[in-house]
Amino acid sequence: MQNTGSIRLFGIGMALLAVTAVFLTEQVIQPSYWLKSAIKVLAFSVPVIGYAFLTGKTIPETVNLRKISRPAPLFLCMVLFFAGAMLLFFIFHEQLNLAGIRQALLQKEHLTRENCLFVFAYIIFCNSFLEEAFFRGFVFQLFRTKGVGALLSAGLFSVYHIGIFITWFSVPLFILCVTGLAGVGLFLQWISEKYRSVAASYVVHASANLAINLIGALLVFGIIGS
């Protein structure tokens, strides 16, 4: 089936519904972490599968998943993203409510010392790919103009994260985080386009999540923020 404007509108509508559903799950329903993750997997997968069916494309084609050629330069990006995330934390940690973040991780996210390493491994290896496939792959390709696709994909990526950390920061830091996430989304989109595959942006995204979850583990184990 040809990729008509009506099918694109269907895809855009489903993408918006998916982000809304995940946001409401985070802020209103607030289930256990694993149930919340299952809802997110479902919300992000259904639009992709439906769109692939309507367009006659494969799932890898729909999310722009291809084998990476010349992967060596990506390692530098991975190191820079990891180091950048750690550096930003140490620059702004005095402005963060570390005790409040730790409490949110333990109570709202239901993390414990026993399960946090499994949760963080899921975030690094699985959740990073899910987000890249959905935002940098699926959402981006819904728009004929690449600039529009990149901006809206990055915007949705930023809004989607608001539900996670909306209570963690002061207003100025919150605005900085939202703006920064949009910028990160644009940079990841550039990497995905440069390598013609979300596999490239995925490994860079995963390296940033490694740093963030390392900080999270330090909080959960009470090494910092207690």
N, C-alpha and C. Protein backbone atom coordinates (compact mmCIF):
# COMPACT_ATOMS: atom_id res chain seq x y z
N MET A 1 0.85 -1.19 0.00
CA MET A 1 0.00 0.00 0.00
C MET A 1 0.89 1.25 0.00
N GLN A 2 0.50 2.26 -0.78
CA GLN A 2 1.28 3.48 -0.87
C GLN A 2 1.19 4.27 0.44
N ASN A 3 2.28 4.98 0.71
CA ASN A 3 2.35 5.77 1.93
C ASN A 3 1.66 7.11 1.69
N THR A 4 0.34 7.15 1.79
CA THR A 4 -0.45 8.35 1.50
C THR A 4 -0.46 9.28 2.68
N GLY A 5 -1.00 10.52 2.42
CA GLY A 5 -1.09 11.50 3.49
C GLY A 5 -1.97 11.05 4.63
N SER A 6 -3.04 10.30 4.31
CA SER A 6 -3.93 9.84 5.38
C SER A 6 -3.24 8.83 6.29
N ILE A 7 -2.38 8.02 5.71
CA ILE A 7 -1.64 7.06 6.54
C ILE A 7 -0.63 7.79 7.41
N ARG A 8 -0.02 8.83 6.87
CA ARG A 8 0.90 9.64 7.68
C ARG A 8 0.16 10.30 8.84
N LEU A 9 -1.03 10.83 8.56
CA LEU A 9 -1.81 11.43 9.63
C LEU A 9 -2.19 10.40 10.69
N PHE A 10 -2.49 9.19 10.25
CA PHE A 10 -2.76 8.10 11.19
C PHE A 10 -1.55 7.86 12.09
N GLY A 11 -0.38 7.81 11.46
CA GLY A 11 0.85 7.57 12.22
C GLY A 11 1.13 8.68 13.22
N ILE A 12 0.93 9.94 12.78
CA ILE A 12 1.16 11.08 13.68
C ILE A 12 0.18 11.04 14.85
N GLY A 13 -1.09 10.75 14.54
CA GLY A 13 -2.10 10.67 15.60
C GLY A 13 -1.78 9.57 16.60
N MET A 14 -1.35 8.41 16.11
CA MET A 14 -1.00 7.30 16.99
C MET A 14 0.23 7.62 17.83
N ALA A 15 1.18 8.34 17.23
CA ALA A 15 2.38 8.73 17.98
C ALA A 15 2.02 9.67 19.13
N LEU A 16 1.15 10.64 18.85
CA LEU A 16 0.71 11.57 19.89
C LEU A 16 -0.05 10.84 20.99
N LEU A 17 -0.91 9.90 20.61
CA LEU A 17 -1.65 9.12 21.60
C LEU A 17 -0.70 8.29 22.45
N ALA A 18 0.33 7.74 21.83
CA ALA A 18 1.29 6.91 22.57
C ALA A 18 2.02 7.73 23.63
N VAL A 19 2.51 8.92 23.24
CA VAL A 19 3.22 9.78 24.19
C VAL A 19 2.28 10.23 25.31
N THR A 20 1.04 10.56 24.95
CA THR A 20 0.05 10.97 25.96
C THR A 20 -0.24 9.84 26.92
N ALA A 21 -0.39 8.62 26.41
CA ALA A 21 -0.68 7.47 27.25
C ALA A 21 0.46 7.20 28.23
N VAL A 22 1.69 7.31 27.76
CA VAL A 22 2.85 7.09 28.63
C VAL A 22 2.94 8.18 29.69
N PHE A 23 2.68 9.43 29.28
CA PHE A 23 2.72 10.55 30.22
C PHE A 23 1.67 10.37 31.32
N LEU A 24 0.44 10.02 30.94
CA LEU A 24 -0.63 9.83 31.93
C LEU A 24 -0.35 8.64 32.83
N THR A 25 0.25 7.60 32.28
CA THR A 25 0.62 6.45 33.09
C THR A 25 1.61 6.85 34.17
N GLU A 26 2.57 7.68 33.79
CA GLU A 26 3.60 8.14 34.72
C GLU A 26 3.03 9.04 35.80
N GLN A 27 2.14 9.96 35.41
CA GLN A 27 1.68 10.99 36.33
C GLN A 27 0.38 10.66 37.06
N VAL A 28 -0.51 9.89 36.45
CA VAL A 28 -1.83 9.65 37.02
C VAL A 28 -1.96 8.23 37.59
N ILE A 29 -1.70 7.25 36.75
CA ILE A 29 -1.89 5.86 37.19
C ILE A 29 -0.80 5.44 38.17
N GLN A 30 0.45 5.77 37.83
CA GLN A 30 1.61 5.48 38.67
C GLN A 30 1.66 4.02 39.13
N PRO A 31 1.70 3.09 38.18
CA PRO A 31 1.80 1.67 38.55
C PRO A 31 3.23 1.30 38.92
N SER A 32 3.47 0.02 39.17
CA SER A 32 4.82 -0.44 39.44
C SER A 32 5.69 -0.21 38.21
N TYR A 33 7.00 -0.21 38.41
CA TYR A 33 7.90 0.10 37.30
C TYR A 33 7.72 -0.86 36.14
N TRP A 34 7.60 -2.16 36.44
CA TRP A 34 7.52 -3.14 35.37
C TRP A 34 6.21 -3.05 34.62
N LEU A 35 5.10 -2.76 35.31
CA LEU A 35 3.83 -2.58 34.62
C LEU A 35 3.88 -1.31 33.76
N LYS A 36 4.47 -0.27 34.31
CA LYS A 36 4.63 0.98 33.56
C LYS A 36 5.48 0.75 32.31
N SER A 37 6.52 -0.05 32.44
CA SER A 37 7.37 -0.35 31.29
C SER A 37 6.61 -1.16 30.25
N ALA A 38 5.79 -2.10 30.71
CA ALA A 38 5.00 -2.91 29.77
C ALA A 38 4.01 -2.03 29.00
N ILE A 39 3.40 -1.07 29.69
CA ILE A 39 2.48 -0.14 29.02
C ILE A 39 3.22 0.69 27.98
N LYS A 40 4.44 1.13 28.33
CA LYS A 40 5.22 1.93 27.39
C LYS A 40 5.61 1.11 26.16
N VAL A 41 6.03 -0.12 26.37
CA VAL A 41 6.38 -0.99 25.25
C VAL A 41 5.18 -1.15 24.32
N LEU A 42 4.02 -1.38 24.91
CA LEU A 42 2.80 -1.54 24.12
C LEU A 42 2.44 -0.24 23.39
N ALA A 43 2.49 0.88 24.12
CA ALA A 43 2.12 2.17 23.53
C ALA A 43 3.04 2.55 22.38
N PHE A 44 4.34 2.26 22.49
CA PHE A 44 5.29 2.62 21.45
C PHE A 44 5.33 1.60 20.31
N SER A 45 4.92 0.37 20.58
CA SER A 45 4.99 -0.68 19.57
C SER A 45 3.78 -0.70 18.64
N VAL A 46 2.59 -0.48 19.21
CA VAL A 46 1.37 -0.58 18.41
C VAL A 46 1.37 0.38 17.22
N PRO A 47 1.72 1.68 17.41
CA PRO A 47 1.74 2.57 16.24
C PRO A 47 2.73 2.12 15.17
N VAL A 48 3.89 1.62 15.59
CA VAL A 48 4.90 1.16 14.63
C VAL A 48 4.38 -0.03 13.84
N ILE A 49 3.81 -1.01 14.55
CA ILE A 49 3.30 -2.21 13.88
C ILE A 49 2.15 -1.85 12.95
N GLY A 50 1.23 -0.99 13.43
CA GLY A 50 0.10 -0.59 12.61
C GLY A 50 0.54 0.16 11.36
N TYR A 51 1.51 1.06 11.53
CA TYR A 51 2.00 1.83 10.39
C TYR A 51 2.72 0.94 9.39
N ALA A 52 3.51 0.00 9.89
CA ALA A 52 4.20 -0.94 9.01
C ALA A 52 3.20 -1.77 8.20
N PHE A 53 2.13 -2.19 8.85
CA PHE A 53 1.10 -2.97 8.16
C PHE A 53 0.44 -2.15 7.06
N LEU A 54 0.11 -0.91 7.35
CA LEU A 54 -0.59 -0.06 6.37
C LEU A 54 0.29 0.33 5.19
N THR A 55 1.58 0.49 5.44
CA THR A 55 2.49 0.92 4.37
C THR A 55 3.13 -0.25 3.65
N GLY A 56 3.01 -1.45 4.20
CA GLY A 56 3.65 -2.60 3.59
C GLY A 56 5.13 -2.69 3.85
N LYS A 57 5.62 -1.91 4.78
CA LYS A 57 7.04 -1.95 5.14
C LYS A 57 7.29 -2.99 6.23
N THR A 58 8.57 -3.37 6.37
CA THR A 58 8.95 -4.21 7.50
C THR A 58 9.14 -3.33 8.73
N ILE A 59 9.18 -3.94 9.90
CA ILE A 59 9.42 -3.18 11.13
C ILE A 59 10.77 -2.47 11.08
N PRO A 60 11.87 -3.14 10.69
CA PRO A 60 13.16 -2.43 10.60
C PRO A 60 13.11 -1.23 9.65
N GLU A 61 12.40 -1.35 8.54
CA GLU A 61 12.27 -0.22 7.62
C GLU A 61 11.49 0.92 8.26
N THR A 62 10.46 0.57 9.01
CA THR A 62 9.60 1.58 9.63
C THR A 62 10.34 2.39 10.68
N VAL A 63 11.30 1.76 11.37
CA VAL A 63 12.05 2.48 12.41
C VAL A 63 13.48 2.81 11.97
N ASN A 64 13.78 2.58 10.70
CA ASN A 64 15.11 2.93 10.15
C ASN A 64 16.23 2.18 10.88
N LEU A 65 16.07 0.87 11.00
CA LEU A 65 17.08 0.04 11.67
C LEU A 65 17.88 -0.71 10.61
N ARG A 66 19.15 -0.35 10.51
CA ARG A 66 20.06 -1.00 9.56
C ARG A 66 21.39 -1.29 10.26
N LYS A 67 22.17 -2.14 9.65
CA LYS A 67 23.50 -2.42 10.16
C LYS A 67 24.37 -1.18 10.01
N ILE A 68 25.18 -0.89 11.03
CA ILE A 68 26.04 0.29 11.01
C ILE A 68 27.34 -0.02 10.27
N SER A 69 27.71 0.86 9.37
CA SER A 69 29.03 0.78 8.75
C SER A 69 29.94 1.81 9.40
N ARG A 70 31.21 1.52 9.49
CA ARG A 70 32.21 2.41 10.11
C ARG A 70 31.79 2.84 11.53
N PRO A 71 31.61 1.87 12.44
CA PRO A 71 31.11 2.22 13.77
C PRO A 71 32.13 2.86 14.70
N ALA A 72 33.41 2.84 14.34
CA ALA A 72 34.46 3.31 15.25
C ALA A 72 34.23 4.72 15.77
N PRO A 73 33.86 5.72 14.92
CA PRO A 73 33.66 7.09 15.45
C PRO A 73 32.56 7.18 16.50
N LEU A 74 31.64 6.22 16.51
CA LEU A 74 30.56 6.25 17.49
C LEU A 74 31.09 6.09 18.91
N PHE A 75 32.19 5.38 19.06
CA PHE A 75 32.74 5.17 20.40
C PHE A 75 33.13 6.48 21.05
N LEU A 76 33.62 7.43 20.25
CA LEU A 76 33.96 8.74 20.79
C LEU A 76 32.70 9.45 21.27
N CYS A 77 31.62 9.38 20.49
CA CYS A 77 30.35 9.99 20.91
C CYS A 77 29.84 9.34 22.19
N MET A 78 30.00 8.03 22.29
CA MET A 78 29.54 7.31 23.48
C MET A 78 30.30 7.80 24.72
N VAL A 79 31.61 7.93 24.58
CA VAL A 79 32.43 8.40 25.70
C VAL A 79 32.06 9.83 26.07
N LEU A 80 31.87 10.68 25.06
CA LEU A 80 31.53 12.08 25.32
C LEU A 80 30.16 12.20 25.99
N PHE A 81 29.18 11.41 25.57
CA PHE A 81 27.86 11.47 26.19
C PHE A 81 27.92 10.98 27.64
N PHE A 82 28.66 9.90 27.87
CA PHE A 82 28.80 9.39 29.24
C PHE A 82 29.48 10.44 30.11
N ALA A 83 30.60 10.96 29.64
CA ALA A 83 31.35 11.95 30.42
C ALA A 83 30.54 13.23 30.61
N GLY A 84 29.80 13.63 29.57
CA GLY A 84 28.99 14.84 29.66
C GLY A 84 27.88 14.72 30.70
N ALA A 85 27.22 13.56 30.73
CA ALA A 85 26.16 13.36 31.72
C ALA A 85 26.71 13.39 33.13
N MET A 86 27.86 12.75 33.34
CA MET A 86 28.48 12.76 34.66
C MET A 86 28.93 14.16 35.05
N LEU A 87 29.50 14.89 34.09
CA LEU A 87 29.98 16.24 34.37
C LEU A 87 28.83 17.17 34.74
N LEU A 88 27.72 17.08 34.01
CA LEU A 88 26.56 17.92 34.31
C LEU A 88 26.03 17.64 35.71
N PHE A 89 26.06 16.37 36.10
CA PHE A 89 25.60 16.04 37.45
C PHE A 89 26.49 16.70 38.50
N PHE A 90 27.78 16.61 38.33
CA PHE A 90 28.68 17.18 39.34
C PHE A 90 28.65 18.71 39.33
N ILE A 91 28.32 19.30 38.18
CA ILE A 91 28.20 20.76 38.13
C ILE A 91 26.95 21.23 38.86
N PHE A 92 25.83 20.52 38.68
CA PHE A 92 24.55 20.98 39.20
C PHE A 92 24.05 20.21 40.42
N HIS A 93 24.84 19.30 40.97
CA HIS A 93 24.31 18.43 42.03
C HIS A 93 23.90 19.21 43.28
N GLU A 94 24.54 20.35 43.52
CA GLU A 94 24.16 21.12 44.70
C GLU A 94 22.81 21.80 44.54
N GLN A 95 22.37 21.97 43.30
CA GLN A 95 21.05 22.56 43.04
C GLN A 95 19.94 21.49 42.97
N LEU A 96 20.33 20.24 43.04
CA LEU A 96 19.37 19.15 42.95
C LEU A 96 18.93 18.70 44.33
N ASN A 97 17.68 18.30 44.41
CA ASN A 97 17.16 17.73 45.65
C ASN A 97 17.44 16.23 45.63
N LEU A 98 18.67 15.86 45.97
CA LEU A 98 19.08 14.47 45.85
C LEU A 98 18.26 13.55 46.75
N ALA A 99 17.95 14.05 47.95
CA ALA A 99 17.14 13.24 48.86
C ALA A 99 15.74 13.01 48.27
N GLY A 100 15.19 14.05 47.64
CA GLY A 100 13.87 13.92 47.02
C GLY A 100 13.90 12.97 45.83
N ILE A 101 14.97 13.04 45.03
CA ILE A 101 15.09 12.14 43.89
C ILE A 101 15.23 10.70 44.38
N ARG A 102 16.04 10.51 45.42
CA ARG A 102 16.21 9.17 45.98
C ARG A 102 14.88 8.63 46.49
N GLN A 103 14.11 9.47 47.16
CA GLN A 103 12.81 9.05 47.67
C GLN A 103 11.87 8.69 46.52
N ALA A 104 11.92 9.47 45.43
CA ALA A 104 11.08 9.17 44.27
C ALA A 104 11.47 7.84 43.65
N LEU A 105 12.77 7.56 43.57
CA LEU A 105 13.22 6.29 43.01
C LEU A 105 12.78 5.11 43.87
N LEU A 106 12.84 5.29 45.19
CA LEU A 106 12.49 4.20 46.10
C LEU A 106 10.98 4.01 46.23
N GLN A 107 10.23 5.10 46.26
CA GLN A 107 8.79 5.00 46.51
C GLN A 107 7.96 5.02 45.23
N LYS A 108 8.17 6.01 44.40
CA LYS A 108 7.36 6.10 43.18
C LYS A 108 7.75 5.03 42.17
N GLU A 109 9.05 4.83 41.98
CA GLU A 109 9.52 3.84 41.01
C GLU A 109 9.65 2.44 41.62
N HIS A 110 9.49 2.34 42.94
CA HIS A 110 9.53 1.06 43.65
C HIS A 110 10.87 0.33 43.45
N LEU A 111 11.94 1.11 43.42
CA LEU A 111 13.26 0.50 43.30
C LEU A 111 13.77 0.09 44.66
N THR A 112 14.49 -1.00 44.68
CA THR A 112 15.14 -1.46 45.89
C THR A 112 16.59 -1.80 45.55
N ARG A 113 17.37 -2.06 46.57
CA ARG A 113 18.76 -2.46 46.31
C ARG A 113 18.82 -3.78 45.55
N GLU A 114 17.78 -4.60 45.72
CA GLU A 114 17.76 -5.90 45.08
C GLU A 114 17.39 -5.83 43.61
N ASN A 115 16.46 -4.92 43.25
CA ASN A 115 15.99 -4.91 41.86
C ASN A 115 16.55 -3.78 41.01
N CYS A 116 17.21 -2.80 41.63
CA CYS A 116 17.59 -1.61 40.87
C CYS A 116 18.58 -1.92 39.75
N LEU A 117 19.48 -2.87 39.97
CA LEU A 117 20.45 -3.17 38.92
C LEU A 117 19.77 -3.79 37.71
N PHE A 118 18.74 -4.61 37.95
CA PHE A 118 17.99 -5.19 36.83
C PHE A 118 17.23 -4.09 36.09
N VAL A 119 16.61 -3.17 36.85
CA VAL A 119 15.87 -2.05 36.24
C VAL A 119 16.80 -1.19 35.41
N PHE A 120 17.97 -0.86 35.96
CA PHE A 120 18.89 0.01 35.25
C PHE A 120 19.45 -0.68 34.00
N ALA A 121 19.66 -2.01 34.07
CA ALA A 121 20.10 -2.74 32.88
C ALA A 121 19.04 -2.69 31.80
N TYR A 122 17.77 -2.82 32.21
CA TYR A 122 16.67 -2.71 31.24
C TYR A 122 16.65 -1.33 30.60
N ILE A 123 16.84 -0.28 31.40
CA ILE A 123 16.82 1.08 30.88
C ILE A 123 17.93 1.29 29.87
N ILE A 124 19.12 0.80 30.19
CA ILE A 124 20.28 1.02 29.32
C ILE A 124 20.16 0.25 28.01
N PHE A 125 19.80 -1.03 28.09
CA PHE A 125 19.83 -1.86 26.89
C PHE A 125 18.51 -1.91 26.12
N CYS A 126 17.39 -1.91 26.83
CA CYS A 126 16.09 -2.08 26.17
C CYS A 126 15.35 -0.76 25.98
N ASN A 127 15.23 0.02 27.07
CA ASN A 127 14.46 1.25 26.98
C ASN A 127 15.12 2.25 26.03
N SER A 128 16.44 2.30 26.01
CA SER A 128 17.14 3.20 25.10
C SER A 128 16.79 2.88 23.65
N PHE A 129 16.75 1.58 23.33
CA PHE A 129 16.42 1.19 21.96
C PHE A 129 14.96 1.50 21.64
N LEU A 130 14.08 1.25 22.58
CA LEU A 130 12.66 1.53 22.37
C LEU A 130 12.44 3.00 22.04
N GLU A 131 13.08 3.89 22.79
CA GLU A 131 12.93 5.32 22.56
C GLU A 131 13.53 5.75 21.22
N GLU A 132 14.70 5.20 20.89
CA GLU A 132 15.32 5.57 19.62
C GLU A 132 14.50 5.08 18.43
N ALA A 133 14.01 3.84 18.51
CA ALA A 133 13.20 3.31 17.42
C ALA A 133 11.93 4.13 17.23
N PHE A 134 11.33 4.55 18.35
CA PHE A 134 10.07 5.29 18.26
C PHE A 134 10.29 6.73 17.82
N PHE A 135 11.16 7.46 18.50
CA PHE A 135 11.32 8.89 18.22
C PHE A 135 12.20 9.15 17.00
N ARG A 136 13.43 8.61 16.99
CA ARG A 136 14.35 8.89 15.89
C ARG A 136 14.02 8.09 14.63
N GLY A 137 13.36 6.94 14.80
CA GLY A 137 13.02 6.14 13.64
C GLY A 137 11.62 6.40 13.15
N PHE A 138 10.62 6.00 13.93
CA PHE A 138 9.23 6.06 13.50
C PHE A 138 8.71 7.48 13.36
N VAL A 139 8.76 8.28 14.42
CA VAL A 139 8.18 9.62 14.39
C VAL A 139 8.86 10.49 13.33
N PHE A 140 10.17 10.44 13.28
CA PHE A 140 10.91 11.26 12.32
C PHE A 140 10.48 10.99 10.89
N GLN A 141 10.26 9.73 10.53
CA GLN A 141 9.94 9.37 9.16
C GLN A 141 8.49 9.67 8.78
N LEU A 142 7.68 10.11 9.75
CA LEU A 142 6.30 10.45 9.44
C LEU A 142 6.17 11.76 8.68
N PHE A 143 7.23 12.56 8.65
CA PHE A 143 7.17 13.90 8.06
C PHE A 143 8.01 13.95 6.79
N ARG A 144 7.47 14.58 5.77
CA ARG A 144 8.17 14.67 4.49
C ARG A 144 9.40 15.56 4.58
N THR A 145 9.31 16.62 5.39
CA THR A 145 10.44 17.53 5.56
C THR A 145 11.28 17.08 6.75
N LYS A 146 12.56 16.81 6.52
CA LYS A 146 13.41 16.29 7.58
C LYS A 146 13.54 17.26 8.75
N GLY A 147 13.61 18.56 8.45
CA GLY A 147 13.74 19.54 9.53
C GLY A 147 12.54 19.52 10.45
N VAL A 148 11.35 19.45 9.86
CA VAL A 148 10.13 19.38 10.67
C VAL A 148 10.09 18.09 11.47
N GLY A 149 10.44 16.99 10.83
CA GLY A 149 10.46 15.70 11.53
C GLY A 149 11.42 15.70 12.70
N ALA A 150 12.61 16.27 12.51
CA ALA A 150 13.61 16.30 13.58
C ALA A 150 13.14 17.16 14.74
N LEU A 151 12.56 18.33 14.45
CA LEU A 151 12.10 19.23 15.51
C LEU A 151 10.95 18.61 16.31
N LEU A 152 9.97 18.04 15.62
CA LEU A 152 8.82 17.48 16.32
C LEU A 152 9.20 16.21 17.07
N SER A 153 10.08 15.41 16.49
CA SER A 153 10.55 14.22 17.19
C SER A 153 11.29 14.59 18.47
N ALA A 154 12.18 15.60 18.37
CA ALA A 154 12.92 16.05 19.55
C ALA A 154 11.99 16.67 20.58
N GLY A 155 10.98 17.41 20.11
CA GLY A 155 10.02 18.02 21.03
C GLY A 155 9.22 16.97 21.79
N LEU A 156 8.74 15.96 21.08
CA LEU A 156 7.98 14.88 21.74
C LEU A 156 8.87 14.10 22.70
N PHE A 157 10.12 13.90 22.31
CA PHE A 157 11.08 13.21 23.17
C PHE A 157 11.26 13.96 24.48
N SER A 158 11.34 15.29 24.40
CA SER A 158 11.50 16.11 25.59
C SER A 158 10.24 16.08 26.46
N VAL A 159 9.06 16.26 25.82
CA VAL A 159 7.80 16.25 26.55
C VAL A 159 7.57 14.92 27.24
N TYR A 160 7.90 13.85 26.55
CA TYR A 160 7.74 12.50 27.11
C TYR A 160 8.50 12.34 28.42
N HIS A 161 9.68 12.95 28.51
CA HIS A 161 10.48 12.81 29.73
C HIS A 161 9.98 13.68 30.88
N ILE A 162 9.16 14.69 30.57
CA ILE A 162 8.66 15.57 31.62
C ILE A 162 7.95 14.78 32.71
N GLY A 163 7.18 13.78 32.30
CA GLY A 163 6.44 12.98 33.27
C GLY A 163 7.32 12.25 34.25
N ILE A 164 8.56 12.01 33.88
CA ILE A 164 9.47 11.27 34.74
C ILE A 164 10.08 12.17 35.81
N PHE A 165 10.53 13.37 35.40
CA PHE A 165 11.31 14.19 36.35
C PHE A 165 10.66 15.52 36.69
N ILE A 166 9.36 15.66 36.46
CA ILE A 166 8.70 16.95 36.65
C ILE A 166 8.83 17.48 38.08
N THR A 167 8.95 16.59 39.06
CA THR A 167 9.03 17.02 40.46
C THR A 167 10.45 17.01 41.01
N TRP A 168 11.43 16.73 40.16
CA TRP A 168 12.79 16.56 40.65
C TRP A 168 13.56 17.87 40.78
N PHE A 169 13.25 18.86 39.96
CA PHE A 169 14.10 20.03 39.86
C PHE A 169 13.34 21.32 40.16
N SER A 170 14.10 22.36 40.44
CA SER A 170 13.53 23.70 40.53
C SER A 170 13.10 24.14 39.14
N VAL A 171 12.32 25.22 39.06
CA VAL A 171 11.79 25.68 37.76
C VAL A 171 12.92 26.00 36.77
N PRO A 172 13.96 26.75 37.15
CA PRO A 172 15.03 27.04 36.18
C PRO A 172 15.72 25.78 35.67
N LEU A 173 16.02 24.84 36.57
CA LEU A 173 16.66 23.60 36.14
C LEU A 173 15.72 22.75 35.29
N PHE A 174 14.43 22.80 35.63
CA PHE A 174 13.45 22.06 34.84
C PHE A 174 13.43 22.56 33.40
N ILE A 175 13.40 23.89 33.24
CA ILE A 175 13.41 24.48 31.90
C ILE A 175 14.70 24.11 31.17
N LEU A 176 15.81 24.14 31.90
CA LEU A 176 17.09 23.78 31.31
C LEU A 176 17.09 22.33 30.85
N CYS A 177 16.51 21.45 31.67
CA CYS A 177 16.46 20.03 31.33
C CYS A 177 15.61 19.78 30.09
N VAL A 178 14.43 20.42 30.04
CA VAL A 178 13.54 20.24 28.89
C VAL A 178 14.22 20.73 27.61
N THR A 179 14.85 21.91 27.69
CA THR A 179 15.57 22.45 26.54
C THR A 179 16.74 21.55 26.15
N GLY A 180 17.46 21.09 27.17
CA GLY A 180 18.60 20.22 26.92
C GLY A 180 18.19 18.90 26.28
N LEU A 181 17.07 18.33 26.74
CA LEU A 181 16.60 17.07 26.17
C LEU A 181 16.21 17.24 24.70
N ALA A 182 15.59 18.37 24.38
CA ALA A 182 15.26 18.64 22.98
C ALA A 182 16.53 18.73 22.14
N GLY A 183 17.56 19.39 22.70
CA GLY A 183 18.83 19.48 22.00
C GLY A 183 19.48 18.12 21.82
N VAL A 184 19.41 17.29 22.86
CA VAL A 184 19.93 15.93 22.77
C VAL A 184 19.18 15.14 21.71
N GLY A 185 17.86 15.33 21.67
CA GLY A 185 17.06 14.64 20.66
C GLY A 185 17.48 15.03 19.25
N LEU A 186 17.75 16.31 19.02
CA LEU A 186 18.20 16.76 17.70
C LEU A 186 19.57 16.18 17.36
N PHE A 187 20.45 16.13 18.34
CA PHE A 187 21.79 15.57 18.10
C PHE A 187 21.71 14.08 17.79
N LEU A 188 20.88 13.35 18.55
CA LEU A 188 20.71 11.92 18.28
C LEU A 188 20.09 11.69 16.90
N GLN A 189 19.19 12.59 16.50
CA GLN A 189 18.60 12.47 15.17
C GLN A 189 19.67 12.67 14.10
N TRP A 190 20.57 13.61 14.34
CA TRP A 190 21.67 13.84 13.40
C TRP A 190 22.56 12.61 13.27
N ILE A 191 22.85 11.97 14.41
CA ILE A 191 23.66 10.75 14.38
C ILE A 191 22.93 9.65 13.62
N SER A 192 21.63 9.50 13.90
CA SER A 192 20.84 8.49 13.22
C SER A 192 20.85 8.70 11.71
N GLU A 193 20.73 9.95 11.28
CA GLU A 193 20.74 10.26 9.85
C GLU A 193 22.13 10.09 9.24
N LYS A 194 23.14 10.48 9.98
CA LYS A 194 24.51 10.36 9.48
C LYS A 194 24.86 8.91 9.19
N TYR A 195 24.44 8.01 10.09
CA TYR A 195 24.73 6.58 9.92
C TYR A 195 23.59 5.82 9.27
N ARG A 196 22.50 6.54 8.97
CA ARG A 196 21.33 5.96 8.29
C ARG A 196 20.75 4.78 9.06
N SER A 197 20.81 4.87 10.40
CA SER A 197 20.27 3.80 11.23
C SER A 197 20.10 4.27 12.67
N VAL A 198 18.97 3.88 13.29
CA VAL A 198 18.78 4.22 14.70
C VAL A 198 19.71 3.40 15.60
N ALA A 199 20.35 2.40 15.04
CA ALA A 199 21.32 1.64 15.83
C ALA A 199 22.45 2.55 16.30
N ALA A 200 22.79 3.55 15.49
CA ALA A 200 23.86 4.48 15.85
C ALA A 200 23.45 5.38 17.01
N SER A 201 22.26 5.98 16.90
CA SER A 201 21.80 6.84 18.00
C SER A 201 21.50 6.02 19.25
N TYR A 202 21.13 4.76 19.06
CA TYR A 202 20.84 3.90 20.21
C TYR A 202 22.06 3.70 21.09
N VAL A 203 23.21 3.39 20.51
CA VAL A 203 24.39 3.11 21.35
C VAL A 203 24.84 4.37 22.08
N VAL A 204 24.68 5.55 21.43
CA VAL A 204 25.04 6.80 22.09
C VAL A 204 24.05 7.10 23.22
N HIS A 205 22.77 6.91 22.96
CA HIS A 205 21.73 7.08 23.98
C HIS A 205 21.99 6.16 25.15
N ALA A 206 22.33 4.92 24.86
CA ALA A 206 22.58 3.94 25.93
C ALA A 206 23.76 4.36 26.80
N SER A 207 24.77 4.99 26.20
CA SER A 207 25.94 5.42 26.99
C SER A 207 25.56 6.53 27.96
N ALA A 208 24.66 7.43 27.53
CA ALA A 208 24.18 8.49 28.43
C ALA A 208 23.35 7.88 29.56
N ASN A 209 22.50 6.91 29.21
CA ASN A 209 21.70 6.25 30.24
C ASN A 209 22.57 5.47 31.22
N LEU A 210 23.71 4.97 30.75
CA LEU A 210 24.64 4.28 31.66
C LEU A 210 25.11 5.24 32.74
N ALA A 211 25.45 6.46 32.36
CA ALA A 211 25.89 7.45 33.34
C ALA A 211 24.76 7.83 34.29
N ILE A 212 23.58 8.08 33.73
CA ILE A 212 22.43 8.47 34.55
C ILE A 212 22.06 7.38 35.54
N ASN A 213 22.10 6.15 35.10
CA ASN A 213 21.73 5.05 35.99
C ASN A 213 22.84 4.71 36.98
N LEU A 214 24.07 5.03 36.66
CA LEU A 214 25.14 4.91 37.64
C LEU A 214 24.88 5.87 38.79
N ILE A 215 24.47 7.09 38.46
CA ILE A 215 24.10 8.06 39.49
C ILE A 215 22.90 7.55 40.28
N GLY A 216 21.91 6.99 39.57
CA GLY A 216 20.74 6.44 40.22
C GLY A 216 21.09 5.33 41.20
N ALA A 217 22.02 4.46 40.80
CA ALA A 217 22.44 3.38 41.69
C ALA A 217 23.10 3.93 42.95
N LEU A 218 23.90 4.98 42.80
CA LEU A 218 24.54 5.60 43.95
C LEU A 218 23.48 6.18 44.91
N LEU A 219 22.40 6.70 44.34
CA LEU A 219 21.31 7.23 45.16
C LEU A 219 20.57 6.11 45.87
N VAL A 220 20.22 5.06 45.14
CA VAL A 220 19.45 3.96 45.72
C VAL A 220 20.24 3.26 46.82
N PHE A 221 21.55 3.10 46.64
CA PHE A 221 22.38 2.45 47.65
C PHE A 221 22.79 3.40 48.77
N GLY A 222 22.33 4.65 48.70
CA GLY A 222 22.59 5.61 49.77
C GLY A 222 24.00 6.14 49.81
N ILE A 223 24.75 5.95 48.74
CA ILE A 223 26.12 6.45 48.71
C ILE A 223 26.13 7.96 48.57
N ILE A 224 25.16 8.50 47.83
CA ILE A 224 24.94 9.94 47.76
C ILE A 224 23.47 10.22 48.00
N GLY A 225 23.14 11.42 48.41
CA GLY A 225 21.75 11.83 48.55
C GLY A 225 20.99 11.26 49.72
N SER A 226 21.67 10.64 50.67
CA SER A 226 20.97 10.04 51.81
C SER A 226 20.93 11.03 52.97
